[in-house]
Amino acid sequence: MESFLIHYGLLAVALLATADGDVTLVLAGVVAHLGLFSLPAGIAAGGAGAFIGDTIFYTVGRTNARWIQKTRPYRRMGARAENLLRSFGMGQLFAMRLVFGTRIATLTLCGVRGVAFWRFALFDALSCMAWATLLGLLGFALSDSAAWLIREVKSVEIAAAGALALTVLVIAGLRRVGDQRLRRAFSTISRKR
């Protein structure tokens, strides 16, 4: 990801921030520290990209509200999510960035509940720029540590991918052995009859 950011600059920051704002914004701060673009430009590109991504999820909720409300997860969790939206109001657009796993649900819920776009856009743009500023400054200030952290995360990701592949192979092997034993057992039982 960092080589993509280095090669394509601000366009890459905006594009990547539509899907993954957190890591992208920290990396934008690191790349800005390297002098490849200015920090304010990186923050602006990241904030704009995050806003575009958020608007996509809002639009999905807005245009598919009836279908979403009929889904099992919405019927199970929708009332609680709506209560949170009523309790926190538009402040939830700021809080969702702090609680992992709530961003997409919050944005989609704003669309499903019919929050006026101008209101959503105003608060979400402020939220995106505040988050981009915070993470961009963090990446800029901790660029040496961030580069080390990124290398460590990559090595953990590679180890995790290897462990996952090994686990899949072991399970597939055990399943195959188990299937063969089961077939032998059934063939022995059927021969005895």
C-alpha atoms as a PDB file:
ATOM      1  CA  MET A   1       0.000   0.000   0.000  1.00  0.00           C
ATOM      2  CA  GLU A   2       2.780   2.425   0.875  1.00  0.00           C
ATOM      3  CA  SER A   3       4.466   1.964  -2.537  1.00  0.00           C
ATOM      4  CA  PHE A   4       1.122   2.742  -4.204  1.00  0.00           C
ATOM      5  CA  LEU A   5       0.887   5.907  -2.089  1.00  0.00           C
ATOM      6  CA  ILE A   6       4.431   6.914  -2.937  1.00  0.00           C
ATOM      7  CA  HIS A   7       3.962   6.299  -6.659  1.00  0.00           C
ATOM      8  CA  TYR A   8       0.528   7.888  -7.140  1.00  0.00           C
ATOM      9  CA  GLY A   9       0.619  10.480  -4.348  1.00  0.00           C
ATOM     10  CA  LEU A  10      -2.511  12.397  -3.439  1.00  0.00           C
ATOM     11  CA  LEU A  11      -4.702  10.515  -5.916  1.00  0.00           C
ATOM     12  CA  ALA A  12      -3.784   7.266  -4.153  1.00  0.00           C
ATOM     13  CA  VAL A  13      -4.511   8.799  -0.745  1.00  0.00           C
ATOM     14  CA  ALA A  14      -7.997   9.841  -1.874  1.00  0.00           C
ATOM     15  CA  LEU A  15      -8.689   6.509  -3.579  1.00  0.00           C
ATOM     16  CA  LEU A  16      -7.482   4.323  -0.693  1.00  0.00           C
ATOM     17  CA  ALA A  17      -9.226   6.479   1.920  1.00  0.00           C
ATOM     18  CA  THR A  18     -12.610   5.661   0.344  1.00  0.00           C
ATOM     19  CA  ALA A  19     -12.211   2.090   1.616  1.00  0.00           C
ATOM     20  CA  ASP A  20      -9.693   2.215   4.474  1.00  0.00           C
ATOM     21  CA  GLY A  21      -9.300   5.621   6.030  1.00  0.00           C
ATOM     22  CA  ASP A  22      -7.320   4.713   9.118  1.00  0.00           C
ATOM     23  CA  VAL A  23      -4.177   3.078   7.747  1.00  0.00           C
ATOM     24  CA  THR A  24      -4.234   5.238   4.623  1.00  0.00           C
ATOM     25  CA  LEU A  25      -4.337   8.456   6.623  1.00  0.00           C
ATOM     26  CA  VAL A  26      -1.478   7.410   8.885  1.00  0.00           C
ATOM     27  CA  LEU A  27       0.552   6.391   5.839  1.00  0.00           C
ATOM     28  CA  ALA A  28      -0.284   9.710   4.167  1.00  0.00           C
ATOM     29  CA  GLY A  29       1.277  11.454   7.157  1.00  0.00           C
ATOM     30  CA  VAL A  30       4.368   9.245   6.846  1.00  0.00           C
ATOM     31  CA  VAL A  31       4.664   9.915   3.103  1.00  0.00           C
ATOM     32  CA  ALA A  32       4.186  13.645   3.727  1.00  0.00           C
ATOM     33  CA  HIS A  33       7.020  13.471   6.252  1.00  0.00           C
ATOM     34  CA  LEU A  34       9.180  11.987   3.490  1.00  0.00           C
ATOM     35  CA  GLY A  35       8.440  15.161   1.498  1.00  0.00           C
ATOM     36  CA  LEU A  36       6.517  13.583  -1.389  1.00  0.00           C
ATOM     37  CA  PHE A  37       3.542  15.897  -0.832  1.00  0.00           C
ATOM     38  CA  SER A  38       2.525  18.434   1.782  1.00  0.00           C
ATOM     39  CA  LEU A  39       0.787  17.300   4.938  1.00  0.00           C
ATOM     40  CA  PRO A  40      -2.223  19.645   4.467  1.00  0.00           C
ATOM     41  CA  ALA A  41      -2.708  18.300   0.924  1.00  0.00           C
ATOM     42  CA  GLY A  42      -2.498  14.709   2.201  1.00  0.00           C
ATOM     43  CA  ILE A  43      -5.036  15.446   4.927  1.00  0.00           C
ATOM     44  CA  ALA A  44      -7.387  17.139   2.443  1.00  0.00           C
ATOM     45  CA  ALA A  45      -7.103  14.250  -0.050  1.00  0.00           C
ATOM     46  CA  GLY A  46      -7.655  11.674   2.698  1.00  0.00           C
ATOM     47  CA  GLY A  47     -10.627  13.527   4.141  1.00  0.00           C
ATOM     48  CA  ALA A  48     -12.196  13.899   0.682  1.00  0.00           C
ATOM     49  CA  GLY A  49     -11.671  10.219  -0.093  1.00  0.00           C
ATOM     50  CA  ALA A  50     -13.169   9.165   3.247  1.00  0.00           C
ATOM     51  CA  PHE A  51     -16.172  11.409   2.608  1.00  0.00           C
ATOM     52  CA  ILE A  52     -16.722   9.833  -0.830  1.00  0.00           C
ATOM     53  CA  GLY A  53     -16.558   6.336   0.672  1.00  0.00           C
ATOM     54  CA  ASP A  54     -18.945   7.304   3.469  1.00  0.00           C
ATOM     55  CA  THR A  55     -21.375   8.799   0.965  1.00  0.00           C
ATOM     56  CA  ILE A  56     -21.421   5.529  -0.979  1.00  0.00           C
ATOM     57  CA  PHE A  57     -22.563   3.608   2.125  1.00  0.00           C
ATOM     58  CA  TYR A  58     -25.110   6.320   2.958  1.00  0.00           C
ATOM     59  CA  THR A  59     -26.471   6.090  -0.605  1.00  0.00           C
ATOM     60  CA  VAL A  60     -26.692   2.296  -0.415  1.00  0.00           C
ATOM     61  CA  GLY A  61     -28.774   2.653   2.743  1.00  0.00           C
ATOM     62  CA  ARG A  62     -30.919   5.389   1.272  1.00  0.00           C
ATOM     63  CA  THR A  63     -31.670   3.608  -2.009  1.00  0.00           C
ATOM     64  CA  ASN A  64     -32.167   0.139  -0.502  1.00  0.00           C
ATOM     65  CA  ALA A  65     -33.923   1.036   2.752  1.00  0.00           C
ATOM     66  CA  ARG A  66     -36.908  -1.284   2.317  1.00  0.00           C
ATOM     67  CA  TRP A  67     -34.784  -4.266   1.398  1.00  0.00           C
ATOM     68  CA  ILE A  68     -32.317  -3.628   4.245  1.00  0.00           C
ATOM     69  CA  GLN A  69     -35.149  -3.316   6.787  1.00  0.00           C
ATOM     70  CA  LYS A  70     -36.416  -6.772   5.738  1.00  0.00           C
ATOM     71  CA  THR A  71     -33.072  -8.487   6.295  1.00  0.00           C
ATOM     72  CA  ARG A  72     -32.545 -10.706   9.321  1.00  0.00           C
ATOM     73  CA  PRO A  73     -29.639  -8.669  10.793  1.00  0.00           C
ATOM     74  CA  TYR A  74     -31.640  -5.451  10.571  1.00  0.00           C
ATOM     75  CA  ARG A  75     -34.699  -7.032  12.162  1.00  0.00           C
ATOM     76  CA  ARG A  76     -32.473  -8.345  14.948  1.00  0.00           C
ATOM     77  CA  MET A  77     -30.270  -5.274  15.527  1.00  0.00           C
ATOM     78  CA  GLY A  78     -32.057  -2.413  13.787  1.00  0.00           C
ATOM     79  CA  ALA A  79     -34.004  -1.178  16.805  1.00  0.00           C
ATOM     80  CA  ARG A  80     -30.854  -0.926  18.947  1.00  0.00           C
ATOM     81  CA  ALA A  81     -28.943   0.830  16.185  1.00  0.00           C
ATOM     82  CA  GLU A  82     -31.787   3.284  15.666  1.00  0.00           C
ATOM     83  CA  ASN A  83     -31.891   4.000  19.408  1.00  0.00           C
ATOM     84  CA  LEU A  84     -28.182   4.820  19.295  1.00  0.00           C
ATOM     85  CA  LEU A  85     -28.727   7.115  16.327  1.00  0.00           C
ATOM     86  CA  ARG A  86     -31.520   8.892  18.203  1.00  0.00           C
ATOM     87  CA  SER A  87     -29.418   9.129  21.395  1.00  0.00           C
ATOM     88  CA  PHE A  88     -26.209  10.378  19.804  1.00  0.00           C
ATOM     89  CA  GLY A  89     -27.766  12.173  16.858  1.00  0.00           C
ATOM     90  CA  MET A  90     -25.314  13.271  14.214  1.00  0.00           C
ATOM     91  CA  GLY A  91     -22.532  13.011  16.794  1.00  0.00           C
ATOM     92  CA  GLN A  92     -22.580   9.313  15.983  1.00  0.00           C
ATOM     93  CA  LEU A  93     -20.744  10.189  12.757  1.00  0.00           C
ATOM     94  CA  PHE A  94     -17.808  11.236  14.950  1.00  0.00           C
ATOM     95  CA  ALA A  95     -18.112   8.352  17.427  1.00  0.00           C
ATOM     96  CA  MET A  96     -18.209   5.678  14.703  1.00  0.00           C
ATOM     97  CA  ARG A  97     -14.594   6.426  13.838  1.00  0.00           C
ATOM     98  CA  LEU A  98     -13.514   5.552  17.363  1.00  0.00           C
ATOM     99  CA  VAL A  99     -15.376   2.234  17.635  1.00  0.00           C
ATOM    100  CA  PHE A 100     -14.038  -0.453  15.313  1.00  0.00           C
ATOM    101  CA  GLY A 101     -16.657  -2.097  13.137  1.00  0.00           C
ATOM    102  CA  THR A 102     -19.396   0.514  13.424  1.00  0.00           C
ATOM    103  CA  ARG A 103     -18.595   2.802  10.496  1.00  0.00           C
ATOM    104  CA  ILE A 104     -20.393   0.977   7.672  1.00  0.00           C
ATOM    105  CA  ALA A 105     -23.428   0.171   9.818  1.00  0.00           C
ATOM    106  CA  THR A 106     -23.722   3.785  10.994  1.00  0.00           C
ATOM    107  CA  LEU A 107     -23.424   5.222   7.496  1.00  0.00           C
ATOM    108  CA  THR A 108     -25.914   2.749   6.036  1.00  0.00           C
ATOM    109  CA  LEU A 109     -28.316   3.373   8.915  1.00  0.00           C
ATOM    110  CA  CYS A 110     -28.212   7.126   8.240  1.00  0.00           C
ATOM    111  CA  GLY A 111     -29.374   6.351   4.716  1.00  0.00           C
ATOM    112  CA  VAL A 112     -31.998   3.835   5.807  1.00  0.00           C
ATOM    113  CA  ARG A 113     -33.443   6.283   8.342  1.00  0.00           C
ATOM    114  CA  GLY A 114     -33.666   8.980   5.679  1.00  0.00           C
ATOM    115  CA  VAL A 115     -31.305  11.502   7.271  1.00  0.00           C
ATOM    116  CA  ALA A 116     -31.337  14.498   4.930  1.00  0.00           C
ATOM    117  CA  PHE A 117     -28.287  14.410   2.675  1.00  0.00           C
ATOM    118  CA  TRP A 118     -27.246  17.989   3.428  1.00  0.00           C
ATOM    119  CA  ARG A 119     -27.253  17.191   7.141  1.00  0.00           C
ATOM    120  CA  PHE A 120     -25.377  13.934   6.645  1.00  0.00           C
ATOM    121  CA  ALA A 121     -22.860  15.636   4.335  1.00  0.00           C
ATOM    122  CA  LEU A 122     -22.196  18.508   6.724  1.00  0.00           C
ATOM    123  CA  PHE A 123     -21.533  16.355   9.792  1.00  0.00           C
ATOM    124  CA  ASP A 124     -19.751  13.595   7.917  1.00  0.00           C
ATOM    125  CA  ALA A 125     -17.439  16.046   6.138  1.00  0.00           C
ATOM    126  CA  LEU A 126     -16.495  17.551   9.506  1.00  0.00           C
ATOM    127  CA  SER A 127     -15.951  14.056  10.915  1.00  0.00           C
ATOM    128  CA  CYS A 128     -13.817  13.004   7.931  1.00  0.00           C
ATOM    129  CA  MET A 129     -11.629  16.095   8.105  1.00  0.00           C
ATOM    130  CA  ALA A 130     -11.171  15.817  11.878  1.00  0.00           C
ATOM    131  CA  TRP A 131     -10.201  12.146  11.575  1.00  0.00           C
ATOM    132  CA  ALA A 132      -7.920  12.794   8.587  1.00  0.00           C
ATOM    133  CA  THR A 133      -6.209  15.603  10.484  1.00  0.00           C
ATOM    134  CA  LEU A 134      -5.721  13.510  13.617  1.00  0.00           C
ATOM    135  CA  LEU A 135      -4.354  10.435  11.829  1.00  0.00           C
ATOM    136  CA  GLY A 136      -2.337  12.416   9.287  1.00  0.00           C
ATOM    137  CA  LEU A 137      -0.631  14.361  12.073  1.00  0.00           C
ATOM    138  CA  LEU A 138      -0.061  11.131  13.980  1.00  0.00           C
ATOM    139  CA  GLY A 139       1.592   9.511  10.960  1.00  0.00           C
ATOM    140  CA  PHE A 140       3.658  12.619  10.316  1.00  0.00           C
ATOM    141  CA  ALA A 141       4.826  12.900  13.933  1.00  0.00           C
ATOM    142  CA  LEU A 142       5.566   9.220  14.321  1.00  0.00           C
ATOM    143  CA  SER A 143       6.836   8.546  10.806  1.00  0.00           C
ATOM    144  CA  ASP A 144       9.949   6.674  11.894  1.00  0.00           C
ATOM    145  CA  SER A 145       7.951   4.566  14.328  1.00  0.00           C
ATOM    146  CA  ALA A 146       5.117   4.198  11.820  1.00  0.00           C
ATOM    147  CA  ALA A 147       7.474   2.792   9.197  1.00  0.00           C
ATOM    148  CA  TRP A 148       8.722   0.244  11.739  1.00  0.00           C
ATOM    149  CA  LEU A 149       5.143  -0.545  12.780  1.00  0.00           C
ATOM    150  CA  ILE A 150       4.061  -1.074   9.180  1.00  0.00           C
ATOM    151  CA  ARG A 151       6.937  -3.531   8.640  1.00  0.00           C
ATOM    152  CA  GLU A 152       5.955  -5.377  11.809  1.00  0.00           C
ATOM    153  CA  VAL A 153       2.290  -5.498  10.792  1.00  0.00           C
ATOM    154  CA  LYS A 154       3.279  -6.863   7.386  1.00  0.00           C
ATOM    155  CA  SER A 155       5.373  -9.613   8.971  1.00  0.00           C
ATOM    156  CA  VAL A 156       2.465 -10.517  11.267  1.00  0.00           C
ATOM    157  CA  GLU A 157       0.084 -10.517   8.275  1.00  0.00           C
ATOM    158  CA  ILE A 158       2.430 -12.845   6.380  1.00  0.00           C
ATOM    159  CA  ALA A 159       2.736 -15.134   9.408  1.00  0.00           C
ATOM    160  CA  ALA A 160      -1.045 -15.107   9.889  1.00  0.00           C
ATOM    161  CA  ALA A 161      -1.609 -15.895   6.202  1.00  0.00           C
ATOM    162  CA  GLY A 162       0.868 -18.771   6.453  1.00  0.00           C
ATOM    163  CA  ALA A 163      -0.803 -20.077   9.607  1.00  0.00           C
ATOM    164  CA  LEU A 164      -4.211 -19.846   7.937  1.00  0.00           C
ATOM    165  CA  ALA A 165      -2.971 -21.726   4.866  1.00  0.00           C
ATOM    166  CA  LEU A 166      -1.403 -24.404   7.065  1.00  0.00           C
ATOM    167  CA  THR A 167      -4.609 -24.718   9.106  1.00  0.00           C
ATOM    168  CA  VAL A 168      -6.700 -25.124   5.939  1.00  0.00           C
ATOM    169  CA  LEU A 169      -4.325 -27.811   4.664  1.00  0.00           C
ATOM    170  CA  VAL A 170      -4.383 -29.672   7.999  1.00  0.00           C
ATOM    171  CA  ILE A 171      -8.188 -29.528   8.185  1.00  0.00           C
ATOM    172  CA  ALA A 172      -8.501 -30.687   4.580  1.00  0.00           C
ATOM    173  CA  GLY A 173      -6.082 -33.535   5.272  1.00  0.00           C
ATOM    174  CA  LEU A 174      -7.866 -34.586   8.462  1.00  0.00           C
ATOM    175  CA  ARG A 175     -11.195 -34.406   6.696  1.00  0.00           C
ATOM    176  CA  ARG A 176      -9.920 -36.592   3.886  1.00  0.00           C
ATOM    177  CA  VAL A 177      -8.510 -39.147   6.349  1.00  0.00           C
ATOM    178  CA  GLY A 178     -11.772 -39.058   8.287  1.00  0.00           C
ATOM    179  CA  ASP A 179     -13.818 -39.540   5.100  1.00  0.00           C
ATOM    180  CA  GLN A 180     -11.672 -42.524   4.119  1.00  0.00           C
ATOM    181  CA  ARG A 181     -12.081 -44.100   7.573  1.00  0.00           C
ATOM    182  CA  LEU A 182     -15.808 -43.478   7.452  1.00  0.00           C
ATOM    183  CA  ARG A 183     -16.094 -45.094   4.006  1.00  0.00           C
ATOM    184  CA  ARG A 184     -14.104 -48.116   5.217  1.00  0.00           C
ATOM    185  CA  ALA A 185     -16.307 -48.423   8.275  1.00  0.00           C
ATOM    186  CA  PHE A 186     -19.488 -48.297   6.174  1.00  0.00           C
ATOM    187  CA  SER A 187     -18.102 -50.785   3.669  1.00  0.00           C
ATOM    188  CA  THR A 188     -17.187 -53.157   6.526  1.00  0.00           C
ATOM    189  CA  ILE A 189     -20.687 -52.827   8.016  1.00  0.00           C
ATOM    190  CA  SER A 190     -22.380 -53.414   4.642  1.00  0.00           C
ATOM    191  CA  ARG A 191     -20.194 -56.505   3.962  1.00  0.00           C
ATOM    192  CA  LYS A 192     -21.172 -57.992   7.318  1.00  0.00           C
ATOM    193  CA  ARG A 193     -24.855 -57.708   6.429  1.00  0.00           C
END
